[in-house]
Amino acid sequence: MLIAVNTRFLIKDKLEGIGWFTYETMKRLTHNHPEHTFLFLFDREPDPGFVFGKNVKPIRVWPPARHPYLWKYWFDYALPSVFKRYKPDLFISTDGFLSLKSDIPTLLVVHDLGFEHYPDHVTGSASNFYRKYMPLYAKKATRIVTVSEFSKKDIVKLYQVAPDKIDVAYNGANDKYIPISQNEQQAVRNRYTGGKPYFLYVGSVHPRKNVKNLLLAYDALRKEHLTEHQLVIAGRMAWKTDETKQVFEQMQFKNDVVFTNHLLLSELTKVMASADAFVYPSLFEGFGIPIVEARYCGVPIITSDRSSLTEVGGPNALYFDPDRVDLIKDAMKLFLLDRENYHAKAKKDVSVREVFNWDKTVSSIESAIASMDSNFVKPRQSVEVA
């Protein structure tokens, strides 16, 4: 088979949620299936590090699709031209978009419908595009893969998609997320917080991530509870960040908040493993990979009680209503009052690697493809990927 893949989120040193999903799944899928050829479709110059094997052919498809008008052109005009030339048997799109101008069988990965629930949290043109075209994409897709049972129910409810058209493939996390020694942790704390323990948030900063309320809760915690804990925000400033920045500037304890910007994986794994607790105040998630990364590291979880987060956070996490600053603060305080207990529970959380891992994700994707095309045979066991 010839399988075309939308790989426009594979950007060197800038991988985030969809980019990591594409990287981890396509690396394994191409290694598992040397009998098939994969066309990786980039919207900028492909990095050689993303050509995972001899069966991968990278193609740059003009133009760079970074705006709704260009999204429309790239998927409905540029891609059909590529499909006409190469005649692939299947198209896999990992970012929820597909071509309405092509009849190629398509496996569509839909991560979440957060833009439907919080349309004002996305820039106007993007929000309009998502809400207009995503229902059409979901209807046209041959099959859909999504990343949680919550997201599957959401797609069925909002877009009236038949449940048997949707497969659930939980995300995994990178195997480099592991516990590290006390000496290594102290070195990380020395580097970022002057040696002090810290709460950690990982992810880009935009309204749906609710970092504004985390800052308010942290400030309230410091005013109420005697602690030297700092707050580390590891992620880039994305969009609609003015309100978050304004809250930060008005904080009493803003000097104890550290913004690292985007970190490379080699550094982020250490920052995660050195956190005293991971705090994730997101208003809506289709999955929430950083929670799994924290669990891989044996770091206690404090997170929202919304969407998929209780599904991913597990029974040992502390949950809060993300709309309530006081409840976020209370959850962080409860952790501080019983730190040893929460750390003990987190260290025993070994089953997380069995439930959430990329090999299982790819196995589910393989099953979805096999149900679409009998020429695709799922291997008896996955090929180990270095």
Protein backbone atom coordinates (compact mmCIF):
# COMPACT_ATOMS: atom_id res chain seq x y z
CA MET A 1 0.00 0.00 0.00
CA LEU A 2 0.93 3.62 -0.49
CA ILE A 3 -0.14 5.64 2.58
CA ALA A 4 -0.08 9.45 2.60
CA VAL A 5 0.27 11.15 5.99
CA ASN A 6 -0.33 14.76 7.01
CA THR A 7 2.91 15.56 8.86
CA ARG A 8 2.77 19.38 8.87
CA PHE A 9 3.12 19.46 12.67
CA LEU A 10 6.49 17.67 12.58
CA ILE A 11 8.64 20.74 13.17
CA LYS A 12 12.15 20.31 14.55
CA ASP A 13 12.54 21.44 18.18
CA LYS A 14 8.95 22.72 18.22
CA LEU A 15 6.89 19.60 18.81
CA GLU A 16 3.78 20.10 20.93
CA GLY A 17 0.61 18.00 21.36
CA ILE A 18 -0.31 17.08 17.77
CA GLY A 19 3.33 17.12 16.74
CA TRP A 20 4.28 14.61 19.42
CA PHE A 21 1.29 12.42 18.54
CA THR A 22 2.35 12.42 14.88
CA TYR A 23 5.99 11.76 15.75
CA GLU A 24 5.39 8.88 18.15
CA THR A 25 2.70 7.13 16.11
CA MET A 26 4.18 7.52 12.64
CA LYS A 27 7.66 6.50 13.80
CA ARG A 28 6.21 3.23 15.05
CA LEU A 29 3.77 2.70 12.19
CA THR A 30 6.45 3.07 9.51
CA HIS A 31 8.80 0.73 11.40
CA ASN A 32 6.04 -1.82 11.95
CA HIS A 33 5.20 -1.88 8.23
CA PRO A 34 8.27 -1.93 5.98
CA GLU A 35 6.03 -3.61 3.39
CA HIS A 36 4.16 -0.31 2.84
CA THR A 37 5.39 3.04 1.56
CA PHE A 38 4.52 6.26 3.38
CA LEU A 39 4.31 9.73 1.83
CA PHE A 40 4.98 12.27 4.57
CA LEU A 41 3.38 15.56 3.52
CA PHE A 42 5.03 18.65 5.04
CA ASP A 43 4.12 22.29 4.52
CA ARG A 44 7.73 23.43 4.98
CA GLU A 45 11.18 21.95 4.34
CA PRO A 46 11.18 18.48 5.96
CA ASP A 47 13.78 17.80 8.62
CA PRO A 48 15.75 14.59 7.87
CA GLY A 49 15.15 13.46 11.46
CA PHE A 50 11.50 12.86 10.59
CA VAL A 51 12.29 10.46 7.74
CA PHE A 52 12.02 7.34 9.85
CA GLY A 53 13.06 4.73 7.27
CA LYS A 54 13.61 3.80 3.64
CA ASN A 55 9.86 3.36 3.24
CA VAL A 56 9.22 7.04 4.02
CA LYS A 57 9.19 9.59 1.20
CA PRO A 58 9.03 13.22 2.42
CA ILE A 59 7.25 15.73 0.19
CA ARG A 60 7.02 19.47 0.72
CA VAL A 61 3.57 20.71 -0.26
CA TRP A 62 3.29 24.45 -0.86
CA PRO A 63 2.19 26.75 0.76
CA PRO A 64 3.00 26.76 4.50
CA ALA A 65 -0.48 26.25 5.98
CA ARG A 66 -0.50 28.48 9.07
CA HIS A 67 -3.71 30.48 8.55
CA PRO A 68 -7.34 29.42 7.94
CA TYR A 69 -7.26 30.64 4.32
CA LEU A 70 -4.11 28.63 3.72
CA TRP A 71 -5.51 25.61 5.57
CA LYS A 72 -8.38 25.59 3.09
CA TYR A 73 -6.05 25.88 0.11
CA TRP A 74 -3.56 23.29 1.39
CA PHE A 75 -6.14 20.60 2.08
CA ASP A 76 -8.60 21.21 -0.75
CA TYR A 77 -6.26 22.19 -3.59
CA ALA A 78 -2.61 21.44 -2.84
CA LEU A 79 -3.15 17.96 -1.38
CA PRO A 80 -5.52 16.73 -4.14
CA SER A 81 -2.79 17.64 -6.63
CA VAL A 82 -0.35 15.44 -4.71
CA PHE A 83 -2.92 12.64 -4.46
CA LYS A 84 -3.53 12.80 -8.22
CA ARG A 85 0.19 12.49 -8.90
CA TYR A 86 1.04 9.69 -6.46
CA LYS A 87 -2.33 7.89 -6.16
CA PRO A 88 -2.08 6.79 -2.50
CA ASP A 89 -4.43 4.13 -1.20
CA LEU A 90 -5.06 5.86 2.12
CA PHE A 91 -4.66 9.26 3.75
CA ILE A 92 -3.95 9.59 7.49
CA SER A 93 -4.47 13.07 8.95
CA THR A 94 -3.35 13.53 12.54
CA ASP A 95 -4.61 17.09 13.09
CA GLY A 96 -8.35 16.71 12.49
CA PHE A 97 -8.35 18.23 8.96
CA LEU A 98 -8.88 16.45 5.65
CA SER A 99 -9.54 17.23 2.00
CA LEU A 100 -13.15 17.82 1.01
CA LYS A 101 -12.03 17.76 -2.65
CA SER A 102 -10.69 14.22 -2.62
CA ASP A 103 -12.34 10.83 -2.38
CA ILE A 104 -9.28 9.04 -1.00
CA PRO A 105 -10.18 6.88 2.03
CA THR A 106 -9.19 8.88 5.08
CA LEU A 107 -8.38 7.99 8.67
CA LEU A 108 -8.94 11.19 10.63
CA VAL A 109 -7.49 11.78 14.10
CA VAL A 110 -9.69 14.16 16.12
CA HIS A 111 -8.07 15.09 19.42
CA ASP A 112 -10.84 17.19 20.93
CA LEU A 113 -13.69 19.60 20.22
CA GLY A 114 -12.63 22.26 22.69
CA PHE A 115 -13.35 25.00 20.16
CA GLU A 116 -17.02 24.00 20.22
CA HIS A 117 -17.23 24.39 23.99
CA TYR A 118 -14.98 27.46 24.25
CA PRO A 119 -15.14 29.21 20.84
CA ASP A 120 -13.94 32.53 22.26
CA HIS A 121 -10.70 30.92 23.45
CA VAL A 122 -9.48 30.66 19.84
CA THR A 123 -8.76 33.54 17.49
CA GLY A 124 -11.82 34.56 15.48
CA SER A 125 -10.81 33.27 12.03
CA ALA A 126 -9.58 29.95 13.43
CA SER A 127 -12.69 29.49 15.57
CA ASN A 128 -14.94 30.14 12.58
CA PHE A 129 -12.96 27.70 10.46
CA TYR A 130 -13.07 24.93 13.05
CA ARG A 131 -16.78 25.26 13.68
CA LYS A 132 -17.62 25.37 9.98
CA TYR A 133 -15.39 22.61 8.69
CA MET A 134 -14.80 20.14 11.51
CA PRO A 135 -18.37 18.74 11.33
CA LEU A 136 -17.86 18.28 7.57
CA TYR A 137 -14.51 16.57 8.12
CA ALA A 138 -15.98 14.22 10.71
CA LYS A 139 -18.82 13.30 8.36
CA LYS A 140 -16.54 12.73 5.35
CA ALA A 141 -13.84 10.71 7.14
CA THR A 142 -13.89 6.99 6.44
CA ARG A 143 -12.94 6.32 10.06
CA ILE A 144 -12.09 8.48 13.04
CA VAL A 145 -9.54 7.86 15.75
CA THR A 146 -9.79 9.89 18.93
CA VAL A 147 -7.76 9.89 22.12
CA SER A 148 -10.23 9.26 24.95
CA GLU A 149 -13.66 7.85 25.65
CA PHE A 150 -14.70 11.38 26.61
CA SER A 151 -13.76 12.74 23.17
CA LYS A 152 -15.54 9.86 21.43
CA LYS A 153 -18.77 10.66 23.28
CA ASP A 154 -18.30 14.36 22.50
CA ILE A 155 -17.92 13.71 18.75
CA VAL A 156 -20.94 11.41 18.71
CA LYS A 157 -23.07 13.94 20.58
CA LEU A 158 -22.06 17.15 18.79
CA TYR A 159 -21.56 15.84 15.25
CA GLN A 160 -23.99 12.91 15.20
CA VAL A 161 -21.27 10.50 14.10
CA ALA A 162 -22.06 6.81 14.52
CA PRO A 163 -20.14 5.40 17.53
CA ASP A 164 -18.95 2.38 15.52
CA LYS A 165 -17.12 4.73 13.13
CA ILE A 166 -14.85 5.94 15.95
CA ASP A 167 -11.91 4.10 17.52
CA VAL A 168 -10.30 5.20 20.81
CA ALA A 169 -6.50 5.22 20.88
CA TYR A 170 -5.16 6.63 24.13
CA ASN A 171 -2.04 8.77 23.90
CA GLY A 172 1.20 7.64 25.44
CA ALA A 173 4.22 9.59 26.65
CA ASN A 174 7.88 9.60 25.76
CA ASP A 175 9.89 6.89 27.52
CA LYS A 176 12.46 9.50 28.53
CA TYR A 177 10.04 10.65 31.24
CA ILE A 178 11.37 8.69 34.20
CA PRO A 179 12.05 9.38 37.89
CA ILE A 180 15.50 10.84 38.52
CA SER A 181 17.76 10.86 41.58
CA GLN A 182 17.52 13.36 44.41
CA ASN A 183 20.86 14.84 43.39
CA GLU A 184 19.64 15.36 39.82
CA GLN A 185 16.42 16.92 41.09
CA GLN A 186 18.34 19.31 43.31
CA ALA A 187 20.52 20.35 40.37
CA VAL A 188 17.38 21.20 38.37
CA ARG A 189 15.91 23.16 41.28
CA ASN A 190 19.18 25.04 41.66
CA ARG A 191 19.03 25.97 37.99
CA TYR A 192 15.43 27.20 37.90
CA THR A 193 14.23 28.13 41.39
CA GLY A 194 17.33 28.81 43.45
CA GLY A 195 17.08 25.36 44.99
CA LYS A 196 13.48 25.68 46.16
CA PRO A 197 10.72 23.08 45.50
CA TYR A 198 8.18 24.00 42.85
CA PHE A 199 4.76 23.37 41.40
CA LEU A 200 4.95 22.82 37.64
CA TYR A 201 2.67 23.56 34.71
CA VAL A 202 3.67 22.28 31.25
CA GLY A 203 1.99 23.43 28.06
CA SER A 204 1.42 26.43 25.87
CA VAL A 205 -0.29 29.44 27.42
CA HIS A 206 -3.70 30.37 26.00
CA PRO A 207 -7.18 30.82 27.51
CA ARG A 208 -8.27 27.17 27.46
CA LYS A 209 -5.21 26.17 29.49
CA ASN A 210 -6.43 28.48 32.27
CA VAL A 211 -2.96 29.56 33.44
CA LYS A 212 -4.53 32.83 34.59
CA ASN A 213 -6.46 31.04 37.33
CA LEU A 214 -3.38 29.03 38.27
CA LEU A 215 -1.45 32.26 38.83
CA LEU A 216 -4.27 33.66 40.95
CA ALA A 217 -4.50 30.44 42.96
CA TYR A 218 -0.76 30.31 43.54
CA ASP A 219 -0.72 33.92 44.73
CA ALA A 220 -3.63 33.19 47.08
CA LEU A 221 -1.85 30.06 48.38
CA ARG A 222 1.32 31.99 49.16
CA LYS A 223 -0.66 34.68 50.99
CA GLU A 224 -2.47 32.08 53.11
CA HIS A 225 0.03 29.26 53.57
CA LEU A 226 3.65 29.51 54.64
CA THR A 227 5.62 27.73 51.92
CA GLU A 228 8.72 28.37 49.86
CA HIS A 229 7.34 26.54 46.81
CA GLN A 230 7.73 28.40 43.55
CA LEU A 231 5.66 28.01 40.39
CA VAL A 232 7.29 27.05 37.10
CA ILE A 233 5.44 27.60 33.80
CA ALA A 234 7.12 25.52 31.07
CA GLY A 235 5.67 26.45 27.69
CA ARG A 236 5.44 29.17 25.09
CA MET A 237 3.05 32.11 25.09
CA ALA A 238 0.54 31.14 22.39
CA TRP A 239 -2.51 33.34 21.75
CA LYS A 240 -4.84 35.62 23.68
CA THR A 241 -2.34 35.93 26.52
CA ASP A 242 -2.92 39.57 27.50
CA GLU A 243 -5.18 38.75 30.46
CA THR A 244 -2.73 36.15 31.76
CA LYS A 245 0.14 38.60 31.50
CA GLN A 246 -1.91 41.27 33.29
CA VAL A 247 -2.70 38.89 36.16
CA PHE A 248 0.98 38.02 36.44
CA GLU A 249 2.02 41.66 36.65
CA GLN A 250 -0.44 42.25 39.51
CA MET A 251 0.71 39.24 41.58
CA GLN A 252 2.21 39.81 45.00
CA PHE A 253 4.49 36.78 44.58
CA LYS A 254 5.29 37.16 40.88
CA ASN A 255 9.02 37.01 41.63
CA ASP A 256 8.48 33.36 42.61
CA VAL A 257 6.96 32.47 39.23
CA VAL A 258 9.40 31.20 36.59
CA PHE A 259 8.53 31.22 32.89
CA THR A 260 10.90 28.91 30.98
CA ASN A 261 9.31 29.26 27.51
CA HIS A 262 9.39 26.15 25.30
CA LEU A 263 11.91 23.56 26.51
CA LEU A 264 13.60 20.83 24.51
CA LEU A 265 12.62 17.30 25.49
CA SER A 266 16.01 16.57 27.07
CA GLU A 267 15.49 19.44 29.52
CA LEU A 268 11.73 19.17 29.96
CA THR A 269 11.96 15.58 31.20
CA LYS A 270 14.29 16.72 33.98
CA VAL A 271 12.11 19.69 34.89
CA MET A 272 9.07 17.40 35.08
CA ALA A 273 10.81 14.75 37.18
CA SER A 274 12.06 17.39 39.61
CA ALA A 275 8.67 18.98 40.30
CA ASP A 276 7.12 18.57 43.74
CA ALA A 277 3.70 18.37 42.06
CA PHE A 278 2.29 18.88 38.57
CA VAL A 279 -0.66 21.30 38.36
CA TYR A 280 -2.82 21.25 35.23
CA PRO A 281 -5.76 23.69 35.41
CA SER A 282 -7.02 23.21 31.84
CA LEU A 283 -10.69 23.91 31.17
CA PHE A 284 -10.95 21.27 28.46
CA GLU A 285 -8.76 18.45 27.11
CA GLY A 286 -9.29 15.63 24.70
CA PHE A 287 -6.57 13.79 26.60
CA GLY A 288 -3.80 15.69 28.41
CA ILE A 289 -0.40 14.15 27.60
CA PRO A 290 1.51 16.18 30.24
CA ILE A 291 -0.47 14.38 32.95
CA VAL A 292 0.82 11.03 31.69
CA GLU A 293 4.34 12.45 31.48
CA ALA A 294 4.09 13.47 35.15
CA ARG A 295 2.73 10.07 36.12
CA TYR A 296 5.63 8.40 34.25
CA CYS A 297 7.97 10.45 36.46
CA GLY A 298 6.18 9.54 39.69
CA VAL A 299 5.13 13.16 40.26
CA PRO A 300 1.83 13.85 42.11
CA ILE A 301 -1.00 15.26 39.98
CA ILE A 302 -3.27 18.21 40.83
CA THR A 303 -5.68 18.83 37.96
CA SER A 304 -9.12 19.85 36.73
CA ASP A 305 -12.16 17.65 37.18
CA ARG A 306 -13.27 18.40 33.58
CA SER A 307 -13.49 16.58 30.25
CA SER A 308 -11.00 13.71 29.90
CA LEU A 309 -8.75 14.70 32.77
CA THR A 310 -10.30 12.41 35.39
CA GLU A 311 -10.00 9.59 32.82
CA VAL A 312 -6.28 10.24 32.42
CA GLY A 313 -5.32 11.52 35.88
CA GLY A 314 -6.24 8.32 37.67
CA PRO A 315 -7.47 7.65 41.22
CA ASN A 316 -4.54 9.23 43.07
CA ALA A 317 -4.80 12.73 41.63
CA LEU A 318 -6.20 15.74 43.45
CA TYR A 319 -9.04 17.27 41.43
CA PHE A 320 -10.56 20.75 41.44
CA ASP A 321 -13.12 22.89 39.64
CA PRO A 322 -10.91 24.98 37.29
CA ASP A 323 -13.36 27.89 37.29
CA ARG A 324 -12.88 28.32 41.04
CA VAL A 325 -9.58 29.96 42.01
CA ASP A 326 -10.27 29.16 45.65
CA LEU A 327 -10.64 25.45 44.90
CA ILE A 328 -7.43 25.33 42.88
CA LYS A 329 -5.70 26.98 45.83
CA ASP A 330 -7.31 24.53 48.27
CA ALA A 331 -6.15 21.53 46.22
CA MET A 332 -2.57 22.82 46.19
CA LYS A 333 -2.77 23.47 49.93
CA LEU A 334 -4.16 19.99 50.59
CA PHE A 335 -1.19 18.55 48.74
CA LEU A 336 1.24 20.58 50.85
CA LEU A 337 -0.43 19.41 54.06
CA ASP A 338 -0.05 15.73 53.07
CA ARG A 339 2.94 15.73 50.72
CA GLU A 340 4.47 12.43 51.83
CA ASN A 341 1.22 10.57 51.25
CA TYR A 342 0.74 11.97 47.74
CA HIS A 343 4.36 11.29 46.83
CA ALA A 344 4.06 7.71 48.08
CA LYS A 345 0.95 7.14 45.96
CA ALA A 346 2.59 8.68 42.88
CA LYS A 347 5.66 6.45 43.20
CA LYS A 348 3.44 3.34 43.25
CA ASP A 349 1.65 4.39 40.04
CA VAL A 350 3.50 1.85 37.89
CA SER A 351 0.45 0.66 35.89
CA VAL A 352 0.32 3.96 33.98
CA ARG A 353 2.90 2.72 31.47
CA GLU A 354 0.75 -0.30 30.69
CA VAL A 355 -2.43 1.73 30.14
CA PHE A 356 -0.99 4.74 28.32
CA ASN A 357 1.82 3.97 25.89
CA TRP A 358 2.49 4.70 22.22
CA ASP A 359 2.74 1.04 21.20
CA LYS A 360 -0.86 0.54 22.28
CA THR A 361 -1.82 3.76 20.48
CA VAL A 362 -0.33 2.48 17.24
CA SER A 363 -1.94 -0.94 17.69
CA SER A 364 -5.34 0.78 17.81
CA ILE A 365 -4.48 2.81 14.69
CA GLU A 366 -3.41 -0.36 12.90
CA SER A 367 -6.74 -1.99 13.76
CA ALA A 368 -8.59 1.04 12.38
CA ILE A 369 -6.60 0.94 9.11
CA ALA A 370 -7.10 -2.83 8.77
CA SER A 371 -10.85 -2.34 9.07
CA MET A 372 -10.66 0.14 6.17
CA ASP A 373 -8.42 -1.84 3.80
CA SER A 374 -7.85 -5.59 3.72
CA ASN A 375 -4.41 -5.03 2.14
CA PHE A 376 -3.18 -3.67 5.45
CA VAL A 377 -2.33 -6.50 7.81
CA LYS A 378 -1.72 -5.70 11.45
CA PRO A 379 1.53 -7.36 12.66
CA ARG A 380 1.33 -9.96 15.40
CA GLN A 381 3.58 -7.78 17.53
CA SER A 382 4.98 -4.31 17.18
CA VAL A 383 8.50 -3.80 15.88
CA GLU A 384 10.70 -2.22 18.55
CA VAL A 385 11.54 1.39 17.73
CA ALA A 386 14.79 2.87 19.02
